[in-house]
Amino acid sequence: MTDKKPPDEAGLDAEIEQVRRTMSYLTELLALMEDEVMEGEPGAIREAAKLLGEIRNWSKLAMETEARFEEREKRREGVVNGYALDLEEARATIGCRMARLRRCCDAGRVSE
């Protein structure tokens, strides 16, 4: 049996991995750039500013991707508009109510 994911889930997983790798790479570059700035290398501040801009953009993308991931998880768990429906509990509750109706009323008038 293979574990096939719907196309949108597979794409989101790939996007999450890409964002993770890119953020890791940019963090490493920023550490190198920090060393260059501290050493007073010409142009290092300008390059660091560009890199910080990229990091901001990727951070925004990471937050958007995280929001999409959380939305996917909520859908998977059956959460709609902030509420999850527990169908098993609903069935049990309805069953108990029907049983009480059968006991107190004419059993033939209450469906099974």
PDB file of N, CA and C in Angstrom:
ATOM      1  N   MET A   1       0.843  -1.179   0.000  1.00  0.00           N
ATOM      2  CA  MET A   1       0.000   0.000   0.000  1.00  0.00           C
ATOM      3  C   MET A   1       0.888   1.242   0.000  1.00  0.00           C
ATOM      4  N   THR A   2       0.622   2.170  -0.892  1.00  0.00           N
ATOM      5  CA  THR A   2       1.433   3.378  -0.975  1.00  0.00           C
ATOM      6  C   THR A   2       0.716   4.522  -0.286  1.00  0.00           C
ATOM      7  N   ASP A   3       1.509   5.443   0.221  1.00  0.00           N
ATOM      8  CA  ASP A   3       0.963   6.609   0.909  1.00  0.00           C
ATOM      9  C   ASP A   3       0.874   7.747  -0.091  1.00  0.00           C
ATOM     10  N   LYS A   4      -0.261   7.861  -0.765  1.00  0.00           N
ATOM     11  CA  LYS A   4      -0.455   8.925  -1.749  1.00  0.00           C
ATOM     12  C   LYS A   4      -1.164  10.089  -1.090  1.00  0.00           C
ATOM     13  N   LYS A   5      -0.654  11.275  -1.311  1.00  0.00           N
ATOM     14  CA  LYS A   5      -1.270  12.480  -0.778  1.00  0.00           C
ATOM     15  C   LYS A   5      -1.989  13.190  -1.913  1.00  0.00           C
ATOM     16  N   PRO A   6      -3.068  13.909  -1.593  1.00  0.00           N
ATOM     17  CA  PRO A   6      -3.693  14.718  -2.634  1.00  0.00           C
ATOM     18  C   PRO A   6      -2.676  15.712  -3.180  1.00  0.00           C
ATOM     19  N   PRO A   7      -2.815  16.113  -4.448  1.00  0.00           N
ATOM     20  CA  PRO A   7      -1.828  17.009  -5.066  1.00  0.00           C
ATOM     21  C   PRO A   7      -1.579  18.288  -4.281  1.00  0.00           C
ATOM     22  N   ASP A   8      -2.614  18.903  -3.714  1.00  0.00           N
ATOM     23  CA  ASP A   8      -2.396  20.142  -2.983  1.00  0.00           C
ATOM     24  C   ASP A   8      -1.581  19.916  -1.713  1.00  0.00           C
ATOM     25  N   GLU A   9      -1.745  18.763  -1.073  1.00  0.00           N
ATOM     26  CA  GLU A   9      -0.962  18.462   0.129  1.00  0.00           C
ATOM     27  C   GLU A   9       0.496  18.193  -0.222  1.00  0.00           C
ATOM     28  N   ALA A  10       0.727  17.455  -1.303  1.00  0.00           N
ATOM     29  CA  ALA A  10       2.106  17.174  -1.717  1.00  0.00           C
ATOM     30  C   ALA A  10       2.810  18.477  -2.081  1.00  0.00           C
ATOM     31  N   GLY A  11       2.099  19.363  -2.766  1.00  0.00           N
ATOM     32  CA  GLY A  11       2.674  20.657  -3.135  1.00  0.00           C
ATOM     33  C   GLY A  11       2.992  21.503  -1.922  1.00  0.00           C
ATOM     34  N   LEU A  12       2.106  21.478  -0.937  1.00  0.00           N
ATOM     35  CA  LEU A  12       2.335  22.256   0.276  1.00  0.00           C
ATOM     36  C   LEU A  12       3.523  21.703   1.052  1.00  0.00           C
ATOM     37  N   ASP A  13       3.638  20.385   1.132  1.00  0.00           N
ATOM     38  CA  ASP A  13       4.797  19.782   1.802  1.00  0.00           C
ATOM     39  C   ASP A  13       6.095  20.197   1.115  1.00  0.00           C
ATOM     40  N   ALA A  14       6.102  20.192  -0.214  1.00  0.00           N
ATOM     41  CA  ALA A  14       7.294  20.601  -0.967  1.00  0.00           C
ATOM     42  C   ALA A  14       7.597  22.078  -0.724  1.00  0.00           C
ATOM     43  N   GLU A  15       6.550  22.896  -0.671  1.00  0.00           N
ATOM     44  CA  GLU A  15       6.738  24.325  -0.434  1.00  0.00           C
ATOM     45  C   GLU A  15       7.308  24.571   0.962  1.00  0.00           C
ATOM     46  N   ILE A  16       6.810  23.849   1.933  1.00  0.00           N
ATOM     47  CA  ILE A  16       7.321  23.986   3.306  1.00  0.00           C
ATOM     48  C   ILE A  16       8.799  23.621   3.354  1.00  0.00           C
ATOM     49  N   GLU A  17       9.168  22.540   2.692  1.00  0.00           N
ATOM     50  CA  GLU A  17      10.574  22.111   2.669  1.00  0.00           C
ATOM     51  C   GLU A  17      11.446  23.147   1.964  1.00  0.00           C
ATOM     52  N   GLN A  18      10.960  23.711   0.860  1.00  0.00           N
ATOM     53  CA  GLN A  18      11.717  24.731   0.125  1.00  0.00           C
ATOM     54  C   GLN A  18      11.932  25.966   1.001  1.00  0.00           C
ATOM     55  N   VAL A  19      10.890  26.412   1.674  1.00  0.00           N
ATOM     56  CA  VAL A  19      11.010  27.580   2.552  1.00  0.00           C
ATOM     57  C   VAL A  19      12.009  27.287   3.667  1.00  0.00           C
ATOM     58  N   ARG A  20      11.944  26.097   4.247  1.00  0.00           N
ATOM     59  CA  ARG A  20      12.861  25.723   5.326  1.00  0.00           C
ATOM     60  C   ARG A  20      14.313  25.765   4.850  1.00  0.00           C
ATOM     61  N   ARG A  21      14.558  25.174   3.670  1.00  0.00           N
ATOM     62  CA  ARG A  21      15.932  25.155   3.141  1.00  0.00           C
ATOM     63  C   ARG A  21      16.425  26.563   2.825  1.00  0.00           C
ATOM     64  N   THR A  22      15.573  27.367   2.212  1.00  0.00           N
ATOM     65  CA  THR A  22      15.971  28.722   1.843  1.00  0.00           C
ATOM     66  C   THR A  22      16.247  29.565   3.079  1.00  0.00           C
ATOM     67  N   MET A  23      15.387  29.465   4.084  1.00  0.00           N
ATOM     68  CA  MET A  23      15.607  30.230   5.314  1.00  0.00           C
ATOM     69  C   MET A  23      16.914  29.805   5.989  1.00  0.00           C
ATOM     70  N   SER A  24      17.209  28.527   5.974  1.00  0.00           N
ATOM     71  CA  SER A  24      18.458  28.038   6.555  1.00  0.00           C
ATOM     72  C   SER A  24      19.658  28.624   5.804  1.00  0.00           C
ATOM     73  N   TYR A  25      19.577  28.611   4.478  1.00  0.00           N
ATOM     74  CA  TYR A  25      20.652  29.152   3.641  1.00  0.00           C
ATOM     75  C   TYR A  25      20.831  30.653   3.893  1.00  0.00           C
ATOM     76  N   LEU A  26      19.721  31.393   3.934  1.00  0.00           N
ATOM     77  CA  LEU A  26      19.806  32.836   4.150  1.00  0.00           C
ATOM     78  C   LEU A  26      20.352  33.161   5.539  1.00  0.00           C
ATOM     79  N   THR A  27      20.036  32.342   6.517  1.00  0.00           N
ATOM     80  CA  THR A  27      20.564  32.544   7.865  1.00  0.00           C
ATOM     81  C   THR A  27      22.077  32.367   7.877  1.00  0.00           C
ATOM     82  N   GLU A  28      22.557  31.359   7.148  1.00  0.00           N
ATOM     83  CA  GLU A  28      24.008  31.153   7.043  1.00  0.00           C
ATOM     84  C   GLU A  28      24.668  32.343   6.351  1.00  0.00           C
ATOM     85  N   LEU A  29      24.052  32.811   5.261  1.00  0.00           N
ATOM     86  CA  LEU A  29      24.602  33.972   4.553  1.00  0.00           C
ATOM     87  C   LEU A  29      24.639  35.202   5.453  1.00  0.00           C
ATOM     88  N   LEU A  30      23.601  35.389   6.234  1.00  0.00           N
ATOM     89  CA  LEU A  30      23.552  36.541   7.125  1.00  0.00           C
ATOM     90  C   LEU A  30      24.679  36.479   8.156  1.00  0.00           C
ATOM     91  N   ALA A  31      24.974  35.298   8.666  1.00  0.00           N
ATOM     92  CA  ALA A  31      26.076  35.150   9.625  1.00  0.00           C
ATOM     93  C   ALA A  31      27.406  35.517   8.964  1.00  0.00           C
ATOM     94  N   LEU A  32      27.605  35.070   7.721  1.00  0.00           N
ATOM     95  CA  LEU A  32      28.831  35.430   6.992  1.00  0.00           C
ATOM     96  C   LEU A  32      28.886  36.933   6.737  1.00  0.00           C
ATOM     97  N   MET A  33      27.741  37.496   6.361  1.00  0.00           N
ATOM     98  CA  MET A  33      27.670  38.920   6.072  1.00  0.00           C
ATOM     99  C   MET A  33      27.955  39.734   7.334  1.00  0.00           C
ATOM    100  N   GLU A  34      27.498  39.255   8.472  1.00  0.00           N
ATOM    101  CA  GLU A  34      27.746  39.933   9.745  1.00  0.00           C
ATOM    102  C   GLU A  34      29.247  40.002  10.015  1.00  0.00           C
ATOM    103  N   ASP A  35      29.950  38.914   9.734  1.00  0.00           N
ATOM    104  CA  ASP A  35      31.408  38.909   9.911  1.00  0.00           C
ATOM    105  C   ASP A  35      32.065  39.950   9.009  1.00  0.00           C
ATOM    106  N   GLU A  36      31.603  40.021   7.752  1.00  0.00           N
ATOM    107  CA  GLU A  36      32.182  40.987   6.809  1.00  0.00           C
ATOM    108  C   GLU A  36      31.918  42.421   7.257  1.00  0.00           C
ATOM    109  N   VAL A  37      30.720  42.686   7.755  1.00  0.00           N
ATOM    110  CA  VAL A  37      30.389  44.032   8.232  1.00  0.00           C
ATOM    111  C   VAL A  37      31.282  44.387   9.414  1.00  0.00           C
ATOM    112  N   MET A  38      31.469  43.441  10.335  1.00  0.00           N
ATOM    113  CA  MET A  38      32.293  43.696  11.517  1.00  0.00           C
ATOM    114  C   MET A  38      33.756  43.937  11.135  1.00  0.00           C
ATOM    115  N   GLU A  39      34.204  43.306  10.041  1.00  0.00           N
ATOM    116  CA  GLU A  39      35.584  43.487   9.585  1.00  0.00           C
ATOM    117  C   GLU A  39      35.731  44.760   8.758  1.00  0.00           C
ATOM    118  N   GLY A  40      34.613  45.435   8.468  1.00  0.00           N
ATOM    119  CA  GLY A  40      34.660  46.690   7.730  1.00  0.00           C
ATOM    120  C   GLY A  40      34.883  46.519   6.243  1.00  0.00           C
ATOM    121  N   GLU A  41      34.495  45.396   5.673  1.00  0.00           N
ATOM    122  CA  GLU A  41      34.670  45.170   4.239  1.00  0.00           C
ATOM    123  C   GLU A  41      33.788  46.128   3.447  1.00  0.00           C
ATOM    124  N   PRO A  42      34.346  46.715   2.371  1.00  0.00           N
ATOM    125  CA  PRO A  42      33.561  47.649   1.564  1.00  0.00           C
ATOM    126  C   PRO A  42      32.370  46.943   0.904  1.00  0.00           C
ATOM    127  N   GLY A  43      31.242  47.608   0.914  1.00  0.00           N
ATOM    128  CA  GLY A  43      30.045  47.058   0.278  1.00  0.00           C
ATOM    129  C   GLY A  43      29.304  46.039   1.118  1.00  0.00           C
ATOM    130  N   ALA A  44      29.868  45.667   2.250  1.00  0.00           N
ATOM    131  CA  ALA A  44      29.244  44.629   3.070  1.00  0.00           C
ATOM    132  C   ALA A  44      27.912  45.096   3.644  1.00  0.00           C
ATOM    133  N   ILE A  45      27.839  46.361   4.021  1.00  0.00           N
ATOM    134  CA  ILE A  45      26.591  46.872   4.596  1.00  0.00           C
ATOM    135  C   ILE A  45      25.486  46.867   3.542  1.00  0.00           C
ATOM    136  N   ARG A  46      25.821  47.279   2.331  1.00  0.00           N
ATOM    137  CA  ARG A  46      24.837  47.298   1.239  1.00  0.00           C
ATOM    138  C   ARG A  46      24.357  45.873   0.946  1.00  0.00           C
ATOM    139  N   GLU A  47      25.284  44.935   0.889  1.00  0.00           N
ATOM    140  CA  GLU A  47      24.913  43.531   0.638  1.00  0.00           C
ATOM    141  C   GLU A  47      24.088  42.964   1.795  1.00  0.00           C
ATOM    142  N   ALA A  48      24.446  43.349   3.010  1.00  0.00           N
ATOM    143  CA  ALA A  48      23.691  42.877   4.178  1.00  0.00           C
ATOM    144  C   ALA A  48      22.264  43.412   4.140  1.00  0.00           C
ATOM    145  N   ALA A  49      22.104  44.660   3.713  1.00  0.00           N
ATOM    146  CA  ALA A  49      20.763  45.249   3.615  1.00  0.00           C
ATOM    147  C   ALA A  49      19.922  44.502   2.580  1.00  0.00           C
ATOM    148  N   LYS A  50      20.540  44.162   1.439  1.00  0.00           N
ATOM    149  CA  LYS A  50      19.820  43.386   0.417  1.00  0.00           C
ATOM    150  C   LYS A  50      19.408  42.024   0.974  1.00  0.00           C
ATOM    151  N   LEU A  51      20.338  41.398   1.673  1.00  0.00           N
ATOM    152  CA  LEU A  51      20.070  40.082   2.250  1.00  0.00           C
ATOM    153  C   LEU A  51      18.949  40.152   3.290  1.00  0.00           C
ATOM    154  N   LEU A  52      18.951  41.205   4.095  1.00  0.00           N
ATOM    155  CA  LEU A  52      17.881  41.365   5.082  1.00  0.00           C
ATOM    156  C   LEU A  52      16.526  41.534   4.397  1.00  0.00           C
ATOM    157  N   GLY A  53      16.513  42.231   3.264  1.00  0.00           N
ATOM    158  CA  GLY A  53      15.274  42.365   2.492  1.00  0.00           C
ATOM    159  C   GLY A  53      14.778  41.011   2.013  1.00  0.00           C
ATOM    160  N   GLU A  54      15.705  40.192   1.529  1.00  0.00           N
ATOM    161  CA  GLU A  54      15.327  38.841   1.096  1.00  0.00           C
ATOM    162  C   GLU A  54      14.809  38.016   2.262  1.00  0.00           C
ATOM    163  N   ILE A  55      15.472  38.146   3.397  1.00  0.00           N
ATOM    164  CA  ILE A  55      15.032  37.397   4.580  1.00  0.00           C
ATOM    165  C   ILE A  55      13.624  37.826   4.983  1.00  0.00           C
ATOM    166  N   ARG A  56      13.347  39.133   4.906  1.00  0.00           N
ATOM    167  CA  ARG A  56      11.988  39.601   5.220  1.00  0.00           C
ATOM    168  C   ARG A  56      10.967  38.969   4.280  1.00  0.00           C
ATOM    169  N   ASN A  57      11.284  38.959   2.986  1.00  0.00           N
ATOM    170  CA  ASN A  57      10.362  38.367   2.008  1.00  0.00           C
ATOM    171  C   ASN A  57      10.143  36.883   2.283  1.00  0.00           C
ATOM    172  N   TRP A  58      11.223  36.168   2.551  1.00  0.00           N
ATOM    173  CA  TRP A  58      11.096  34.734   2.816  1.00  0.00           C
ATOM    174  C   TRP A  58      10.401  34.469   4.144  1.00  0.00           C
ATOM    175  N   SER A  59      10.598  35.354   5.113  1.00  0.00           N
ATOM    176  CA  SER A  59       9.892  35.199   6.389  1.00  0.00           C
ATOM    177  C   SER A  59       8.389  35.353   6.181  1.00  0.00           C
ATOM    178  N   LYS A  60       8.018  36.323   5.349  1.00  0.00           N
ATOM    179  CA  LYS A  60       6.599  36.516   5.036  1.00  0.00           C
ATOM    180  C   LYS A  60       6.048  35.270   4.348  1.00  0.00           C
ATOM    181  N   LEU A  61       6.801  34.741   3.387  1.00  0.00           N
ATOM    182  CA  LEU A  61       6.371  33.525   2.696  1.00  0.00           C
ATOM    183  C   LEU A  61       6.262  32.357   3.674  1.00  0.00           C
ATOM    184  N   ALA A  62       7.196  32.272   4.606  1.00  0.00           N
ATOM    185  CA  ALA A  62       7.156  31.191   5.599  1.00  0.00           C
ATOM    186  C   ALA A  62       5.904  31.297   6.461  1.00  0.00           C
ATOM    187  N   MET A  63       5.544  32.517   6.859  1.00  0.00           N
ATOM    188  CA  MET A  63       4.338  32.694   7.676  1.00  0.00           C
ATOM    189  C   MET A  63       3.079  32.343   6.883  1.00  0.00           C
ATOM    190  N   GLU A  64       3.039  32.749   5.608  1.00  0.00           N
ATOM    191  CA  GLU A  64       1.888  32.412   4.769  1.00  0.00           C
ATOM    192  C   GLU A  64       1.790  30.896   4.579  1.00  0.00           C
ATOM    193  N   THR A  65       2.931  30.259   4.369  1.00  0.00           N
ATOM    194  CA  THR A  65       2.948  28.802   4.194  1.00  0.00           C
ATOM    195  C   THR A  65       2.505  28.114   5.475  1.00  0.00           C
ATOM    196  N   GLU A  66       2.956  28.625   6.615  1.00  0.00           N
ATOM    197  CA  GLU A  66       2.548  28.050   7.896  1.00  0.00           C
ATOM    198  C   GLU A  66       1.036  28.178   8.085  1.00  0.00           C
ATOM    199  N   ALA A  67       0.476  29.320   7.698  1.00  0.00           N
ATOM    200  CA  ALA A  67      -0.977  29.506   7.814  1.00  0.00           C
ATOM    201  C   ALA A  67      -1.712  28.507   6.926  1.00  0.00           C
ATOM    202  N   ARG A  68      -1.200  28.291   5.712  1.00  0.00           N
ATOM    203  CA  ARG A  68      -1.819  27.309   4.816  1.00  0.00           C
ATOM    204  C   ARG A  68      -1.699  25.904   5.396  1.00  0.00           C
ATOM    205  N   PHE A  69      -0.555  25.606   6.002  1.00  0.00           N
ATOM    206  CA  PHE A  69      -0.349  24.300   6.624  1.00  0.00           C
ATOM    207  C   PHE A  69      -1.356  24.090   7.762  1.00  0.00           C
ATOM    208  N   GLU A  70      -1.510  25.108   8.608  1.00  0.00           N
ATOM    209  CA  GLU A  70      -2.452  25.001   9.722  1.00  0.00           C
ATOM    210  C   GLU A  70      -3.876  24.829   9.214  1.00  0.00           C
ATOM    211  N   GLU A  71      -4.228  25.542   8.145  1.00  0.00           N
ATOM    212  CA  GLU A  71      -5.567  25.402   7.557  1.00  0.00           C
ATOM    213  C   GLU A  71      -5.766  23.982   7.034  1.00  0.00           C
ATOM    214  N   ARG A  72      -4.742  23.427   6.408  1.00  0.00           N
ATOM    215  CA  ARG A  72      -4.832  22.051   5.907  1.00  0.00           C
ATOM    216  C   ARG A  72      -5.037  21.073   7.057  1.00  0.00           C
ATOM    217  N   GLU A  73      -4.303  21.282   8.149  1.00  0.00           N
ATOM    218  CA  GLU A  73      -4.445  20.398   9.307  1.00  0.00           C
ATOM    219  C   GLU A  73      -5.845  20.501   9.905  1.00  0.00           C
ATOM    220  N   LYS A  74      -6.384  21.701   9.956  1.00  0.00           N
ATOM    221  CA  LYS A  74      -7.744  21.872  10.478  1.00  0.00           C
ATOM    222  C   LYS A  74      -8.752  21.144   9.594  1.00  0.00           C
ATOM    223  N   ARG A  75      -8.592  21.274   8.275  1.00  0.00           N
ATOM    224  CA  ARG A  75      -9.499  20.567   7.358  1.00  0.00           C
ATOM    225  C   ARG A  75      -9.389  19.071   7.567  1.00  0.00           C
ATOM    226  N   ARG A  76      -8.168  18.595   7.724  1.00  0.00           N
ATOM    227  CA  ARG A  76      -7.932  17.164   7.927  1.00  0.00           C
ATOM    228  C   ARG A  76      -8.609  16.682   9.215  1.00  0.00           C
ATOM    229  N   GLU A  77      -8.619  17.528  10.238  1.00  0.00           N
ATOM    230  CA  GLU A  77      -9.225  17.168  11.519  1.00  0.00           C
ATOM    231  C   GLU A  77     -10.726  17.428  11.556  1.00  0.00           C
ATOM    232  N   GLY A  78     -11.278  17.985  10.474  1.00  0.00           N
ATOM    233  CA  GLY A  78     -12.712  18.237  10.420  1.00  0.00           C
ATOM    234  C   GLY A  78     -13.139  19.540  11.063  1.00  0.00           C
ATOM    235  N   VAL A  79     -12.213  20.466  11.240  1.00  0.00           N
ATOM    236  CA  VAL A  79     -12.547  21.751  11.843  1.00  0.00           C
ATOM    237  C   VAL A  79     -13.042  22.688  10.743  1.00  0.00           C
ATOM    238  N   VAL A  80     -14.241  23.255  10.963  1.00  0.00           N
ATOM    239  CA  VAL A  80     -14.818  24.195  10.004  1.00  0.00           C
ATOM    240  C   VAL A  80     -15.224  25.441  10.783  1.00  0.00           C
ATOM    241  N   ASN A  81     -14.782  26.600  10.326  1.00  0.00           N
ATOM    242  CA  ASN A  81     -15.080  27.867  10.999  1.00  0.00           C
ATOM    243  C   ASN A  81     -14.734  27.816  12.490  1.00  0.00           C
ATOM    244  N   GLY A  82     -13.653  27.153  12.814  1.00  0.00           N
ATOM    245  CA  GLY A  82     -13.190  27.080  14.193  1.00  0.00           C
ATOM    246  C   GLY A  82     -13.868  26.021  15.043  1.00  0.00           C
ATOM    247  N   TYR A  83     -14.765  25.261  14.444  1.00  0.00           N
ATOM    248  CA  TYR A  83     -15.477  24.227  15.194  1.00  0.00           C
ATOM    249  C   TYR A  83     -15.253  22.873  14.552  1.00  0.00           C
ATOM    250  N   ALA A  84     -15.062  21.860  15.385  1.00  0.00           N
ATOM    251  CA  ALA A  84     -14.919  20.487  14.900  1.00  0.00           C
ATOM    252  C   ALA A  84     -16.197  19.727  15.236  1.00  0.00           C
ATOM    253  N   LEU A  85     -16.647  18.940  14.292  1.00  0.00           N
ATOM    254  CA  LEU A  85     -17.833  18.122  14.516  1.00  0.00           C
ATOM    255  C   LEU A  85     -17.394  16.724  14.919  1.00  0.00           C
ATOM    256  N   ASP A  86     -17.895  16.258  16.049  1.00  0.00           N
ATOM    257  CA  ASP A  86     -17.622  14.896  16.495  1.00  0.00           C
ATOM    258  C   ASP A  86     -18.848  14.068  16.144  1.00  0.00           C
ATOM    259  N   LEU A  87     -18.796  13.417  14.981  1.00  0.00           N
ATOM    260  CA  LEU A  87     -19.955  12.678  14.491  1.00  0.00           C
ATOM    261  C   LEU A  87     -20.301  11.496  15.379  1.00  0.00           C
ATOM    262  N   GLU A  88     -19.303  10.854  15.947  1.00  0.00           N
ATOM    263  CA  GLU A  88     -19.569   9.731  16.853  1.00  0.00           C
ATOM    264  C   GLU A  88     -20.374  10.202  18.063  1.00  0.00           C
ATOM    265  N   GLU A  89     -19.956  11.317  18.633  1.00  0.00           N
ATOM    266  CA  GLU A  89     -20.672  11.851  19.792  1.00  0.00           C
ATOM    267  C   GLU A  89     -22.088  12.269  19.404  1.00  0.00           C
ATOM    268  N   ALA A  90     -22.239  12.876  18.234  1.00  0.00           N
ATOM    269  CA  ALA A  90     -23.566  13.284  17.766  1.00  0.00           C
ATOM    270  C   ALA A  90     -24.472  12.068  17.601  1.00  0.00           C
ATOM    271  N   ARG A  91     -23.954  10.998  16.995  1.00  0.00           N
ATOM    272  CA  ARG A  91     -24.749   9.773  16.832  1.00  0.00           C
ATOM    273  C   ARG A  91     -25.173   9.207  18.181  1.00  0.00           C
ATOM    274  N   ALA A  92     -24.237   9.168  19.113  1.00  0.00           N
ATOM    275  CA  ALA A  92     -24.541   8.626  20.443  1.00  0.00           C
ATOM    276  C   ALA A  92     -25.605   9.470  21.144  1.00  0.00           C
ATOM    277  N   THR A  93     -25.476  10.788  21.060  1.00  0.00           N
ATOM    278  CA  THR A  93     -26.449  11.681  21.690  1.00  0.00           C
ATOM    279  C   THR A  93     -27.831  11.503  21.083  1.00  0.00           C
ATOM    280  N   ILE A  94     -27.896  11.466  19.763  1.00  0.00           N
ATOM    281  CA  ILE A  94     -29.185  11.277  19.087  1.00  0.00           C
ATOM    282  C   ILE A  94     -29.772   9.918  19.443  1.00  0.00           C
ATOM    283  N   GLY A  95     -28.929   8.887  19.471  1.00  0.00           N
ATOM    284  CA  GLY A  95     -29.393   7.547  19.841  1.00  0.00           C
ATOM    285  C   GLY A  95     -29.997   7.518  21.238  1.00  0.00           C
ATOM    286  N   CYS A  96     -29.345   8.184  22.186  1.00  0.00           N
ATOM    287  CA  CYS A  96     -29.858   8.233  23.563  1.00  0.00           C
ATOM    288  C   CYS A  96     -31.195   8.966  23.620  1.00  0.00           C
ATOM    289  N   ARG A  97     -31.301  10.043  22.894  1.00  0.00           N
ATOM    290  CA  ARG A  97     -32.563  10.789  22.882  1.00  0.00           C
ATOM    291  C   ARG A  97     -33.691   9.958  22.274  1.00  0.00           C
ATOM    292  N   MET A  98     -33.367   9.260  21.199  1.00  0.00           N
ATOM    293  CA  MET A  98     -34.377   8.395  20.569  1.00  0.00           C
ATOM    294  C   MET A  98     -34.801   7.293  21.534  1.00  0.00           C
ATOM    295  N   ALA A  99     -33.860   6.718  22.266  1.00  0.00           N
ATOM    296  CA  ALA A  99     -34.181   5.655  23.226  1.00  0.00           C
ATOM    297  C   ALA A  99     -35.091   6.190  24.330  1.00  0.00           C
ATOM    298  N   ARG A 100     -34.821   7.401  24.814  1.00  0.00           N
ATOM    299  CA  ARG A 100     -35.683   7.998  25.840  1.00  0.00           C
ATOM    300  C   ARG A 100     -37.085   8.230  25.296  1.00  0.00           C
ATOM    301  N   LEU A 101     -37.169   8.696  24.055  1.00  0.00           N
ATOM    302  CA  LEU A 101     -38.486   8.902  23.439  1.00  0.00           C
ATOM    303  C   LEU A 101     -39.247   7.585  23.332  1.00  0.00           C
ATOM    304  N   ARG A 102     -38.550   6.535  22.951  1.00  0.00           N
ATOM    305  CA  ARG A 102     -39.201   5.225  22.825  1.00  0.00           C
ATOM    306  C   ARG A 102     -39.731   4.749  24.178  1.00  0.00           C
ATOM    307  N   ARG A 103     -38.955   5.002  25.232  1.00  0.00           N
ATOM    308  CA  ARG A 103     -39.363   4.554  26.572  1.00  0.00           C
ATOM    309  C   ARG A 103     -40.563   5.341  27.088  1.00  0.00           C
ATOM    310  N   CYS A 104     -40.551   6.647  26.874  1.00  0.00           N
ATOM    311  CA  CYS A 104     -41.605   7.463  27.475  1.00  0.00           C
ATOM    312  C   CYS A 104     -42.849   7.569  26.598  1.00  0.00           C
ATOM    313  N   CYS A 105     -42.692   7.365  25.331  1.00  0.00           N
ATOM    314  CA  CYS A 105     -43.820   7.497  24.411  1.00  0.00           C
ATOM    315  C   CYS A 105     -44.186   6.131  23.863  1.00  0.00           C
ATOM    316  N   ASP A 106     -45.101   6.145  22.987  1.00  0.00           N
ATOM    317  CA  ASP A 106     -45.491   4.909  22.313  1.00  0.00           C
ATOM    318  C   ASP A 106     -44.335   4.492  21.412  1.00  0.00           C
ATOM    319  N   ALA A 107     -43.719   3.347  21.697  1.00  0.00           N
ATOM    320  CA  ALA A 107     -42.530   2.896  20.966  1.00  0.00           C
ATOM    321  C   ALA A 107     -42.798   2.764  19.476  1.00  0.00           C
ATOM    322  N   GLY A 108     -44.006   2.481  19.093  1.00  0.00           N
ATOM    323  CA  GLY A 108     -44.323   2.324  17.675  1.00  0.00           C
ATOM    324  C   GLY A 108     -44.331   3.630  16.916  1.00  0.00           C
ATOM    325  N   ARG A 109     -44.460   4.736  17.628  1.00  0.00           N
ATOM    326  CA  ARG A 109     -44.524   6.036  16.961  1.00  0.00           C
ATOM    327  C   ARG A 109     -43.143   6.659  16.753  1.00  0.00           C
ATOM    328  N   VAL A 110     -42.102   6.113  17.388  1.00  0.00           N
ATOM    329  CA  VAL A 110     -40.741   6.656  17.265  1.00  0.00           C
ATOM    330  C   VAL A 110     -39.923   5.705  16.402  1.00  0.00           C
ATOM    331  N   SER A 111     -39.352   6.238  15.325  1.00  0.00           N
ATOM    332  CA  SER A 111     -38.606   5.381  14.393  1.00  0.00           C
ATOM    333  C   SER A 111     -37.338   4.830  15.026  1.00  0.00           C
ATOM    334  N   GLU A 112     -36.872   3.733  14.450  1.00  0.00           N
ATOM    335  CA  GLU A 112     -35.647   3.082  14.938  1.00  0.00           C
ATOM    336  C   GLU A 112     -34.437   3.767  14.377  1.00  0.00           C
TER     337      GLU A 112
END
